PDB file of N, CA and C in Angstrom:
ATOM      1  N   MET A   1       0.837  -1.160   0.000  1.00  0.00           N
ATOM      2  CA  MET A   1       0.000   0.000   0.000  1.00  0.00           C
ATOM      3  C   MET A   1       0.897   1.243   0.000  1.00  0.00           C
ATOM      4  N   PRO A   2       0.635   2.212  -0.896  1.00  0.00           N
ATOM      5  CA  PRO A   2       1.488   3.399  -0.973  1.00  0.00           C
ATOM      6  C   PRO A   2       1.334   4.292   0.256  1.00  0.00           C
ATOM      7  N   ASN A   3       2.436   4.918   0.595  1.00  0.00           N
ATOM      8  CA  ASN A   3       2.445   5.829   1.740  1.00  0.00           C
ATOM      9  C   ASN A   3       2.026   7.214   1.263  1.00  0.00           C
ATOM     10  N   HIS A   4       0.897   7.701   1.705  1.00  0.00           N
ATOM     11  CA  HIS A   4       0.387   9.019   1.304  1.00  0.00           C
ATOM     12  C   HIS A   4       0.540  10.018   2.437  1.00  0.00           C
ATOM     13  N   SER A   5       1.774  10.303   2.761  1.00  0.00           N
ATOM     14  CA  SER A   5       1.995  11.288   3.821  1.00  0.00           C
ATOM     15  C   SER A   5       1.763  12.685   3.264  1.00  0.00           C
ATOM     16  N   PRO A   6       1.241  13.581   4.092  1.00  0.00           N
ATOM     17  CA  PRO A   6       0.983  14.928   3.598  1.00  0.00           C
ATOM     18  C   PRO A   6       2.279  15.630   3.195  1.00  0.00           C
ATOM     19  N   THR A   7       2.198  16.369   2.119  1.00  0.00           N
ATOM     20  CA  THR A   7       3.364  17.110   1.641  1.00  0.00           C
ATOM     21  C   THR A   7       3.587  18.314   2.537  1.00  0.00           C
ATOM     22  N   PRO A   8       4.828  18.524   2.974  1.00  0.00           N
ATOM     23  CA  PRO A   8       5.072  19.689   3.830  1.00  0.00           C
ATOM     24  C   PRO A   8       4.847  20.985   3.061  1.00  0.00           C
ATOM     25  N   LYS A   9       4.315  21.966   3.759  1.00  0.00           N
ATOM     26  CA  LYS A   9       4.100  23.272   3.130  1.00  0.00           C
ATOM     27  C   LYS A   9       5.446  23.927   2.858  1.00  0.00           C
ATOM     28  N   PRO A  10       5.557  24.590   1.726  1.00  0.00           N
ATOM     29  CA  PRO A  10       6.828  25.269   1.456  1.00  0.00           C
ATOM     30  C   PRO A  10       7.046  26.413   2.439  1.00  0.00           C
ATOM     31  N   ARG A  11       8.284  26.570   2.826  1.00  0.00           N
ATOM     32  CA  ARG A  11       8.599  27.662   3.747  1.00  0.00           C
ATOM     33  C   ARG A  11       8.610  28.966   2.988  1.00  0.00           C
ATOM     34  N   ARG A  12       7.989  29.936   3.550  1.00  0.00           N
ATOM     35  CA  ARG A  12       8.004  31.259   2.940  1.00  0.00           C
ATOM     36  C   ARG A  12       9.106  32.070   3.598  1.00  0.00           C
ATOM     37  N   SER A  13       9.866  32.741   2.767  1.00  0.00           N
ATOM     38  CA  SER A  13      10.954  33.546   3.314  1.00  0.00           C
ATOM     39  C   SER A  13      10.451  34.929   3.692  1.00  0.00           C
ATOM     40  N   ARG A  14      11.203  35.577   4.534  1.00  0.00           N
ATOM     41  CA  ARG A  14      10.903  36.937   4.979  1.00  0.00           C
ATOM     42  C   ARG A  14      11.910  37.864   4.328  1.00  0.00           C
ATOM     43  N   VAL A  15      11.486  39.078   4.039  1.00  0.00           N
ATOM     44  CA  VAL A  15      12.364  40.075   3.429  1.00  0.00           C
ATOM     45  C   VAL A  15      12.494  41.263   4.367  1.00  0.00           C
ATOM     46  N   LEU A  16      13.724  41.650   4.629  1.00  0.00           N
ATOM     47  CA  LEU A  16      14.021  42.823   5.440  1.00  0.00           C
ATOM     48  C   LEU A  16      14.928  43.736   4.626  1.00  0.00           C
ATOM     49  N   TYR A  17      14.772  45.030   4.797  1.00  0.00           N
ATOM     50  CA  TYR A  17      15.641  45.997   4.129  1.00  0.00           C
ATOM     51  C   TYR A  17      16.460  46.698   5.198  1.00  0.00           C
ATOM     52  N   VAL A  18      17.775  46.755   4.985  1.00  0.00           N
ATOM     53  CA  VAL A  18      18.662  47.370   5.968  1.00  0.00           C
ATOM     54  C   VAL A  18      19.610  48.333   5.271  1.00  0.00           C
ATOM     55  N   GLU A  19      20.099  49.266   6.067  1.00  0.00           N
ATOM     56  CA  GLU A  19      21.113  50.200   5.600  1.00  0.00           C
ATOM     57  C   GLU A  19      22.331  50.023   6.498  1.00  0.00           C
ATOM     58  N   VAL A  20      23.485  49.874   5.878  1.00  0.00           N
ATOM     59  CA  VAL A  20      24.730  49.689   6.616  1.00  0.00           C
ATOM     60  C   VAL A  20      25.697  50.789   6.210  1.00  0.00           C
ATOM     61  N   PRO A  21      26.741  51.031   6.987  1.00  0.00           N
ATOM     62  CA  PRO A  21      27.754  51.971   6.531  1.00  0.00           C
ATOM     63  C   PRO A  21      28.319  51.486   5.192  1.00  0.00           C
ATOM     64  N   ARG A  22      28.468  52.391   4.272  1.00  0.00           N
ATOM     65  CA  ARG A  22      28.862  52.037   2.905  1.00  0.00           C
ATOM     66  C   ARG A  22      30.161  51.233   2.853  1.00  0.00           C
ATOM     67  N   THR A  23      31.095  51.563   3.716  1.00  0.00           N
ATOM     68  CA  THR A  23      32.380  50.863   3.714  1.00  0.00           C
ATOM     69  C   THR A  23      32.281  49.469   4.329  1.00  0.00           C
ATOM     70  N   ASP A  24      31.146  49.128   4.922  1.00  0.00           N
ATOM     71  CA  ASP A  24      30.991  47.841   5.613  1.00  0.00           C
ATOM     72  C   ASP A  24      30.118  46.835   4.864  1.00  0.00           C
ATOM     73  N   ILE A  25      29.777  47.106   3.621  1.00  0.00           N
ATOM     74  CA  ILE A  25      28.887  46.194   2.887  1.00  0.00           C
ATOM     75  C   ILE A  25      29.475  44.792   2.813  1.00  0.00           C
ATOM     76  N   ALA A  26      30.718  44.672   2.383  1.00  0.00           N
ATOM     77  CA  ALA A  26      31.336  43.345   2.236  1.00  0.00           C
ATOM     78  C   ALA A  26      31.460  42.644   3.585  1.00  0.00           C
ATOM     79  N   ARG A  27      31.856  43.374   4.621  1.00  0.00           N
ATOM     80  CA  ARG A  27      31.985  42.786   5.956  1.00  0.00           C
ATOM     81  C   ARG A  27      30.631  42.302   6.459  1.00  0.00           C
ATOM     82  N   PHE A  28      29.593  43.101   6.247  1.00  0.00           N
ATOM     83  CA  PHE A  28      28.244  42.738   6.676  1.00  0.00           C
ATOM     84  C   PHE A  28      27.802  41.437   6.006  1.00  0.00           C
ATOM     85  N   ARG A  29      27.990  41.336   4.695  1.00  0.00           N
ATOM     86  CA  ARG A  29      27.595  40.121   3.976  1.00  0.00           C
ATOM     87  C   ARG A  29      28.408  38.915   4.461  1.00  0.00           C
ATOM     88  N   PHE A  30      29.693  39.114   4.696  1.00  0.00           N
ATOM     89  CA  PHE A  30      30.548  38.035   5.191  1.00  0.00           C
ATOM     90  C   PHE A  30      30.061  37.547   6.555  1.00  0.00           C
ATOM     91  N   LEU A  31      29.732  38.481   7.448  1.00  0.00           N
ATOM     92  CA  LEU A  31      29.296  38.102   8.795  1.00  0.00           C
ATOM     93  C   LEU A  31      27.955  37.368   8.776  1.00  0.00           C
ATOM     94  N   LEU A  32      27.059  37.741   7.861  1.00  0.00           N
ATOM     95  CA  LEU A  32      25.796  37.002   7.744  1.00  0.00           C
ATOM     96  C   LEU A  32      26.069  35.546   7.383  1.00  0.00           C
ATOM     97  N   GLU A  33      27.022  35.330   6.487  1.00  0.00           N
ATOM     98  CA  GLU A  33      27.385  33.956   6.137  1.00  0.00           C
ATOM     99  C   GLU A  33      28.058  33.253   7.306  1.00  0.00           C
ATOM    100  N   ALA A  34      28.887  33.970   8.037  1.00  0.00           N
ATOM    101  CA  ALA A  34      29.602  33.382   9.164  1.00  0.00           C
ATOM    102  C   ALA A  34      28.654  32.952  10.283  1.00  0.00           C
ATOM    103  N   TYR A  35      27.515  33.627  10.410  1.00  0.00           N
ATOM    104  CA  TYR A  35      26.528  33.273  11.434  1.00  0.00           C
ATOM    105  C   TYR A  35      25.583  32.192  10.910  1.00  0.00           C
ATOM    106  N   GLY A  36      26.105  31.218  10.213  1.00  0.00           N
ATOM    107  CA  GLY A  36      25.300  30.084   9.780  1.00  0.00           C
ATOM    108  C   GLY A  36      24.363  30.384   8.634  1.00  0.00           C
ATOM    109  N   HIS A  37      24.766  31.268   7.755  1.00  0.00           N
ATOM    110  CA  HIS A  37      23.945  31.619   6.587  1.00  0.00           C
ATOM    111  C   HIS A  37      22.526  32.006   7.007  1.00  0.00           C
ATOM    112  N   LEU A  38      22.438  32.922   7.949  1.00  0.00           N
ATOM    113  CA  LEU A  38      21.127  33.338   8.462  1.00  0.00           C
ATOM    114  C   LEU A  38      20.261  33.993   7.403  1.00  0.00           C
ATOM    115  N   ALA A  39      20.892  34.726   6.499  1.00  0.00           N
ATOM    116  CA  ALA A  39      20.127  35.445   5.488  1.00  0.00           C
ATOM    117  C   ALA A  39      20.979  35.599   4.235  1.00  0.00           C
ATOM    118  N   ILE A  40      20.296  35.823   3.132  1.00  0.00           N
ATOM    119  CA  ILE A  40      20.966  36.117   1.870  1.00  0.00           C
ATOM    120  C   ILE A  40      20.832  37.616   1.657  1.00  0.00           C
ATOM    121  N   ALA A  41      21.953  38.272   1.430  1.00  0.00           N
ATOM    122  CA  ALA A  41      21.953  39.727   1.272  1.00  0.00           C
ATOM    123  C   ALA A  41      22.177  40.095  -0.186  1.00  0.00           C
ATOM    124  N   THR A  42      21.338  40.996  -0.688  1.00  0.00           N
ATOM    125  CA  THR A  42      21.467  41.534  -2.034  1.00  0.00           C
ATOM    126  C   THR A  42      21.598  43.042  -1.910  1.00  0.00           C
ATOM    127  N   VAL A  43      22.607  43.614  -2.532  1.00  0.00           N
ATOM    128  CA  VAL A  43      22.800  45.060  -2.484  1.00  0.00           C
ATOM    129  C   VAL A  43      21.830  45.697  -3.467  1.00  0.00           C
ATOM    130  N   LEU A  44      20.951  46.545  -2.959  1.00  0.00           N
ATOM    131  CA  LEU A  44      19.994  47.245  -3.803  1.00  0.00           C
ATOM    132  C   LEU A  44      20.519  48.608  -4.244  1.00  0.00           C
ATOM    133  N   ASP A  45      21.145  49.307  -3.333  1.00  0.00           N
ATOM    134  CA  ASP A  45      21.687  50.631  -3.644  1.00  0.00           C
ATOM    135  C   ASP A  45      23.079  50.716  -3.044  1.00  0.00           C
ATOM    136  N   ARG A  46      24.087  50.619  -3.893  1.00  0.00           N
ATOM    137  CA  ARG A  46      25.457  50.601  -3.384  1.00  0.00           C
ATOM    138  C   ARG A  46      25.927  51.965  -2.924  1.00  0.00           C
ATOM    139  N   PHE A  47      25.242  53.016  -3.315  1.00  0.00           N
ATOM    140  CA  PHE A  47      25.632  54.367  -2.907  1.00  0.00           C
ATOM    141  C   PHE A  47      25.072  54.707  -1.535  1.00  0.00           C
ATOM    142  N   ARG A  48      23.841  54.284  -1.247  1.00  0.00           N
ATOM    143  CA  ARG A  48      23.259  54.460   0.089  1.00  0.00           C
ATOM    144  C   ARG A  48      23.544  53.276   0.987  1.00  0.00           C
ATOM    145  N   ALA A  49      24.065  52.196   0.429  1.00  0.00           N
ATOM    146  CA  ALA A  49      24.369  50.956   1.152  1.00  0.00           C
ATOM    147  C   ALA A  49      23.100  50.335   1.725  1.00  0.00           C
ATOM    148  N   VAL A  50      22.086  50.193   0.865  1.00  0.00           N
ATOM    149  CA  VAL A  50      20.837  49.549   1.247  1.00  0.00           C
ATOM    150  C   VAL A  50      20.865  48.121   0.721  1.00  0.00           C
ATOM    151  N   LEU A  51      20.577  47.179   1.619  1.00  0.00           N
ATOM    152  CA  LEU A  51      20.596  45.767   1.274  1.00  0.00           C
ATOM    153  C   LEU A  51      19.234  45.145   1.533  1.00  0.00           C
ATOM    154  N   LYS A  52      18.910  44.173   0.718  1.00  0.00           N
ATOM    155  CA  LYS A  52      17.695  43.381   0.899  1.00  0.00           C
ATOM    156  C   LYS A  52      18.132  42.052   1.501  1.00  0.00           C
ATOM    157  N   LEU A  53      17.559  41.702   2.635  1.00  0.00           N
ATOM    158  CA  LEU A  53      17.878  40.441   3.302  1.00  0.00           C
ATOM    159  C   LEU A  53      16.702  39.491   3.153  1.00  0.00           C
ATOM    160  N   ARG A  54      16.986  38.271   2.752  1.00  0.00           N
ATOM    161  CA  ARG A  54      15.948  37.251   2.661  1.00  0.00           C
ATOM    162  C   ARG A  54      16.344  36.131   3.615  1.00  0.00           C
ATOM    163  N   CYS A  55      15.422  35.806   4.528  1.00  0.00           N
ATOM    164  CA  CYS A  55      15.687  34.747   5.502  1.00  0.00           C
ATOM    165  C   CYS A  55      14.428  33.922   5.686  1.00  0.00           C
ATOM    166  N   ILE A  56      14.594  32.747   6.266  1.00  0.00           N
ATOM    167  CA  ILE A  56      13.414  31.938   6.551  1.00  0.00           C
ATOM    168  C   ILE A  56      12.715  32.522   7.780  1.00  0.00           C
ATOM    169  N   ARG A  57      11.432  32.247   7.892  1.00  0.00           N
ATOM    170  CA  ARG A  57      10.636  32.799   9.012  1.00  0.00           C
ATOM    171  C   ARG A  57      11.237  32.456  10.371  1.00  0.00           C
ATOM    172  N   GLU A  58      11.728  31.241  10.494  1.00  0.00           N
ATOM    173  CA  GLU A  58      12.252  30.796  11.780  1.00  0.00           C
ATOM    174  C   GLU A  58      13.507  31.558  12.193  1.00  0.00           C
ATOM    175  N   ALA A  59      14.191  32.176  11.249  1.00  0.00           N
ATOM    176  CA  ALA A  59      15.431  32.897  11.567  1.00  0.00           C
ATOM    177  C   ALA A  59      15.232  34.408  11.668  1.00  0.00           C
ATOM    178  N   GLU A  60      14.033  34.892  11.387  1.00  0.00           N
ATOM    179  CA  GLU A  60      13.810  36.342  11.353  1.00  0.00           C
ATOM    180  C   GLU A  60      14.122  37.013  12.687  1.00  0.00           C
ATOM    181  N   THR A  61      13.698  36.438  13.781  1.00  0.00           N
ATOM    182  CA  THR A  61      13.953  37.032  15.094  1.00  0.00           C
ATOM    183  C   THR A  61      15.443  37.129  15.361  1.00  0.00           C
ATOM    184  N   GLU A  62      16.168  36.078  15.022  1.00  0.00           N
ATOM    185  CA  GLU A  62      17.616  36.068  15.228  1.00  0.00           C
ATOM    186  C   GLU A  62      18.312  37.098  14.333  1.00  0.00           C
ATOM    187  N   VAL A  63      17.856  37.207  13.096  1.00  0.00           N
ATOM    188  CA  VAL A  63      18.436  38.193  12.173  1.00  0.00           C
ATOM    189  C   VAL A  63      18.187  39.605  12.696  1.00  0.00           C
ATOM    190  N   ARG A  64      16.954  39.889  13.102  1.00  0.00           N
ATOM    191  CA  ARG A  64      16.628  41.227  13.630  1.00  0.00           C
ATOM    192  C   ARG A  64      17.465  41.565  14.869  1.00  0.00           C
ATOM    193  N   ALA A  65      17.704  40.577  15.723  1.00  0.00           N
ATOM    194  CA  ALA A  65      18.501  40.816  16.928  1.00  0.00           C
ATOM    195  C   ALA A  65      19.969  41.049  16.593  1.00  0.00           C
ATOM    196  N   LEU A  66      20.436  40.456  15.518  1.00  0.00           N
ATOM    197  CA  LEU A  66      21.839  40.564  15.128  1.00  0.00           C
ATOM    198  C   LEU A  66      22.164  41.875  14.403  1.00  0.00           C
ATOM    199  N   LEU A  67      21.180  42.484  13.759  1.00  0.00           N
ATOM    200  CA  LEU A  67      21.415  43.669  12.930  1.00  0.00           C
ATOM    201  C   LEU A  67      22.135  44.811  13.654  1.00  0.00           C
ATOM    202  N   PRO A  68      21.692  45.233  14.844  1.00  0.00           N
ATOM    203  CA  PRO A  68      22.396  46.337  15.509  1.00  0.00           C
ATOM    204  C   PRO A  68      23.856  46.007  15.825  1.00  0.00           C
ATOM    205  N   ALA A  69      24.122  44.762  16.181  1.00  0.00           N
ATOM    206  CA  ALA A  69      25.495  44.371  16.488  1.00  0.00           C
ATOM    207  C   ALA A  69      26.393  44.432  15.253  1.00  0.00           C
ATOM    208  N   LEU A  70      25.787  44.290  14.074  1.00  0.00           N
ATOM    209  CA  LEU A  70      26.544  44.353  12.826  1.00  0.00           C
ATOM    210  C   LEU A  70      26.567  45.756  12.234  1.00  0.00           C
ATOM    211  N   GLY A  71      25.967  46.711  12.937  1.00  0.00           N
ATOM    212  CA  GLY A  71      25.973  48.098  12.473  1.00  0.00           C
ATOM    213  C   GLY A  71      24.938  48.402  11.413  1.00  0.00           C
ATOM    214  N   ALA A  72      23.895  47.588  11.326  1.00  0.00           N
ATOM    215  CA  ALA A  72      22.850  47.790  10.318  1.00  0.00           C
ATOM    216  C   ALA A  72      21.638  48.475  10.931  1.00  0.00           C
ATOM    217  N   ARG A  73      20.991  49.287  10.126  1.00  0.00           N
ATOM    218  CA  ARG A  73      19.759  49.964  10.540  1.00  0.00           C
ATOM    219  C   ARG A  73      18.616  49.380   9.732  1.00  0.00           C
ATOM    220  N   LEU A  74      17.627  48.844  10.404  1.00  0.00           N
ATOM    221  CA  LEU A  74      16.467  48.262   9.747  1.00  0.00           C
ATOM    222  C   LEU A  74      15.605  49.377   9.170  1.00  0.00           C
ATOM    223  N   LEU A  75      15.260  49.263   7.896  1.00  0.00           N
ATOM    224  CA  LEU A  75      14.390  50.244   7.254  1.00  0.00           C
ATOM    225  C   LEU A  75      12.962  49.732   7.349  1.00  0.00           C
ATOM    226  N   LEU A  76      12.128  50.448   8.074  1.00  0.00           N
ATOM    227  CA  LEU A  76      10.758  49.999   8.283  1.00  0.00           C
ATOM    228  C   LEU A  76       9.810  50.524   7.211  1.00  0.00           C
ATOM    229  N   ASP A  77      10.129  51.653   6.635  1.00  0.00           N
ATOM    230  CA  ASP A  77       9.288  52.246   5.609  1.00  0.00           C
ATOM    231  C   ASP A  77       9.694  51.683   4.251  1.00  0.00           C
ATOM    232  N   PRO A  78       8.793  50.998   3.538  1.00  0.00           N
ATOM    233  CA  PRO A  78       9.153  50.441   2.229  1.00  0.00           C
ATOM    234  C   PRO A  78       9.648  51.499   1.240  1.00  0.00           C
ATOM    235  N   GLU A  79       9.233  52.744   1.415  1.00  0.00           N
ATOM    236  CA  GLU A  79       9.691  53.809   0.518  1.00  0.00           C
ATOM    237  C   GLU A  79      11.178  54.102   0.706  1.00  0.00           C
ATOM    238  N   GLU A  80      11.724  53.751   1.863  1.00  0.00           N
ATOM    239  CA  GLU A  80      13.139  53.977   2.107  1.00  0.00           C
ATOM    240  C   GLU A  80      14.005  52.989   1.347  1.00  0.00           C
ATOM    241  N   ALA A  81      13.444  51.866   0.968  1.00  0.00           N
ATOM    242  CA  ALA A  81      14.211  50.827   0.287  1.00  0.00           C
ATOM    243  C   ALA A  81      14.083  51.020  -1.224  1.00  0.00           C
ATOM    244  N   PRO A  82      15.135  51.486  -1.869  1.00  0.00           N
ATOM    245  CA  PRO A  82      15.062  51.733  -3.305  1.00  0.00           C
ATOM    246  C   PRO A  82      15.220  50.458  -4.106  1.00  0.00           C
ATOM    247  N   GLY A  83      15.013  50.591  -5.416  1.00  0.00           N
ATOM    248  CA  GLY A  83      15.333  49.487  -6.316  1.00  0.00           C
ATOM    249  C   GLY A  83      16.837  49.455  -6.505  1.00  0.00           C
ATOM    250  N   ARG A  84      17.295  48.640  -7.423  1.00  0.00           N
ATOM    251  CA  ARG A  84      18.735  48.552  -7.672  1.00  0.00           C
ATOM    252  C   ARG A  84      19.277  49.887  -8.151  1.00  0.00           C
ATOM    253  N   SER A  85      20.481  50.210  -7.703  1.00  0.00           N
ATOM    254  CA  SER A  85      21.086  51.474  -8.102  1.00  0.00           C
ATOM    255  C   SER A  85      21.676  51.362  -9.495  1.00  0.00           C
ATOM    256  N   PRO A  86      21.691  52.461 -10.232  1.00  0.00           N
ATOM    257  CA  PRO A  86      22.322  52.472 -11.547  1.00  0.00           C
ATOM    258  C   PRO A  86      23.833  52.273 -11.410  1.00  0.00           C
ATOM    259  N   ALA A  87      24.507  52.115 -12.531  1.00  0.00           N
ATOM    260  CA  ALA A  87      25.943  51.828 -12.517  1.00  0.00           C
ATOM    261  C   ALA A  87      26.765  53.016 -12.046  1.00  0.00           C
ATOM    262  N   ALA A  88      26.299  54.238 -12.264  1.00  0.00           N
ATOM    263  CA  ALA A  88      27.076  55.426 -11.904  1.00  0.00           C
ATOM    264  C   ALA A  88      26.466  56.117 -10.698  1.00  0.00           C
ATOM    265  N   PRO A  89      27.301  56.763  -9.880  1.00  0.00           N
ATOM    266  CA  PRO A  89      26.757  57.525  -8.760  1.00  0.00           C
ATOM    267  C   PRO A  89      25.828  58.630  -9.261  1.00  0.00           C
ATOM    268  N   PRO A  90      24.917  59.121  -8.421  1.00  0.00           N
ATOM    269  CA  PRO A  90      23.926  60.111  -8.851  1.00  0.00           C
ATOM    270  C   PRO A  90      24.535  61.324  -9.537  1.00  0.00           C
ATOM    271  N   HIS A  91      25.676  61.818  -9.074  1.00  0.00           N
ATOM    272  CA  HIS A  91      26.244  63.022  -9.669  1.00  0.00           C
ATOM    273  C   HIS A  91      26.906  62.759 -11.028  1.00  0.00           C
ATOM    274  N   GLU A  92      27.102  61.472 -11.403  1.00  0.00           N
ATOM    275  CA  GLU A  92      27.718  61.142 -12.678  1.00  0.00           C
ATOM    276  C   GLU A  92      26.727  60.607 -13.703  1.00  0.00           C
ATOM    277  N   ARG A  93      25.466  60.453 -13.353  1.00  0.00           N
ATOM    278  CA  ARG A  93      24.484  59.898 -14.281  1.00  0.00           C
ATOM    279  C   ARG A  93      24.168  60.889 -15.384  1.00  0.00           C
ATOM    280  N   ARG A  94      24.096  60.364 -16.593  1.00  0.00           N
ATOM    281  CA  ARG A  94      23.702  61.204 -17.726  1.00  0.00           C
ATOM    282  C   ARG A  94      22.250  60.925 -18.116  1.00  0.00           C
ATOM    283  N   VAL A  95      21.905  59.652 -18.201  1.00  0.00           N
ATOM    284  CA  VAL A  95      20.560  59.247 -18.576  1.00  0.00           C
ATOM    285  C   VAL A  95      20.046  58.300 -17.508  1.00  0.00           C
ATOM    286  N   LEU A  96      18.881  58.595 -16.976  1.00  0.00           N
ATOM    287  CA  LEU A  96      18.300  57.738 -15.949  1.00  0.00           C
ATOM    288  C   LEU A  96      17.556  56.584 -16.597  1.00  0.00           C
ATOM    289  N   PRO A  97      17.744  55.365 -16.133  1.00  0.00           N
ATOM    290  CA  PRO A  97      16.987  54.238 -16.669  1.00  0.00           C
ATOM    291  C   PRO A  97      15.509  54.378 -16.322  1.00  0.00           C
ATOM    292  N   THR A  98      14.657  53.816 -17.164  1.00  0.00           N
ATOM    293  CA  THR A  98      13.219  53.895 -16.908  1.00  0.00           C
ATOM    294  C   THR A  98      12.818  53.007 -15.741  1.00  0.00           C
ATOM    295  N   GLN A  99      13.491  51.883 -15.576  1.00  0.00           N
ATOM    296  CA  GLN A  99      13.252  51.000 -14.453  1.00  0.00           C
ATOM    297  C   GLN A  99      14.594  50.577 -13.899  1.00  0.00           C
ATOM    298  N   PRO A 100      14.675  50.330 -12.602  1.00  0.00           N
ATOM    299  CA  PRO A 100      15.954  49.890 -12.036  1.00  0.00           C
ATOM    300  C   PRO A 100      16.459  48.640 -12.752  1.00  0.00           C
ATOM    301  N   GLY A 101      17.724  48.665 -13.148  1.00  0.00           N
ATOM    302  CA  GLY A 101      18.327  47.521 -13.800  1.00  0.00           C
ATOM    303  C   GLY A 101      18.142  47.481 -15.298  1.00  0.00           C
ATOM    304  N   HIS A 102      17.345  48.386 -15.859  1.00  0.00           N
ATOM    305  CA  HIS A 102      17.107  48.413 -17.286  1.00  0.00           C
ATOM    306  C   HIS A 102      17.921  49.513 -17.951  1.00  0.00           C
ATOM    307  N   LEU A 103      18.378  49.236 -19.156  1.00  0.00           N
ATOM    308  CA  LEU A 103      19.111  50.239 -19.919  1.00  0.00           C
ATOM    309  C   LEU A 103      18.149  50.939 -20.864  1.00  0.00           C
ATOM    310  N   PRO A 104      18.295  52.251 -21.046  1.00  0.00           N
ATOM    311  CA  PRO A 104      17.409  52.958 -21.981  1.00  0.00           C
ATOM    312  C   PRO A 104      17.537  52.377 -23.385  1.00  0.00           C
ATOM    313  N   GLY A 105      16.418  52.212 -24.061  1.00  0.00           N
ATOM    314  CA  GLY A 105      16.429  51.739 -25.435  1.00  0.00           C
ATOM    315  C   GLY A 105      16.481  50.222 -25.579  1.00  0.00           C
ATOM    316  N   ARG A 106      16.500  49.495 -24.499  1.00  0.00           N
ATOM    317  CA  ARG A 106      16.550  48.027 -24.565  1.00  0.00           C
ATOM    318  C   ARG A 106      15.216  47.472 -24.110  1.00  0.00           C
ATOM    319  N   GLU A 107      14.421  46.987 -25.046  1.00  0.00           N
ATOM    320  CA  GLU A 107      13.088  46.467 -24.719  1.00  0.00           C
ATOM    321  C   GLU A 107      13.135  45.046 -24.160  1.00  0.00           C
ATOM    322  N   ASP A 108      14.210  44.299 -24.464  1.00  0.00           N
ATOM    323  CA  ASP A 108      14.265  42.889 -24.092  1.00  0.00           C
ATOM    324  C   ASP A 108      14.761  42.652 -22.673  1.00  0.00           C
ATOM    325  N   GLN A 109      15.046  43.665 -21.918  1.00  0.00           N
ATOM    326  CA  GLN A 109      15.569  43.478 -20.560  1.00  0.00           C
ATOM    327  C   GLN A 109      14.466  43.416 -19.547  1.00  0.00           C
TER     328      GLN A 109
END
């Protein structure tokens, strides 16, 4: 007789947005990995040093508790968390992309 055990529900990850000192981005990402891969960090704005953290629900409390010790500031307002930053700093931009990560004139991106 086949075993019809219920399929476990997929774990949903949590997303947090943090701002760290710009010079500490690499150290911050390294320390997240060193603490047992608590979260995956993606740099959204390298000029403001805003990172998107994705972690499992069970680790969210631990990640939130660790942030101040790592010098990160949790951004609570979604408007504070920008999309990906363009390749050039704001004062060097000539043409602004229509969407973060897209190049002007490229429809296939």
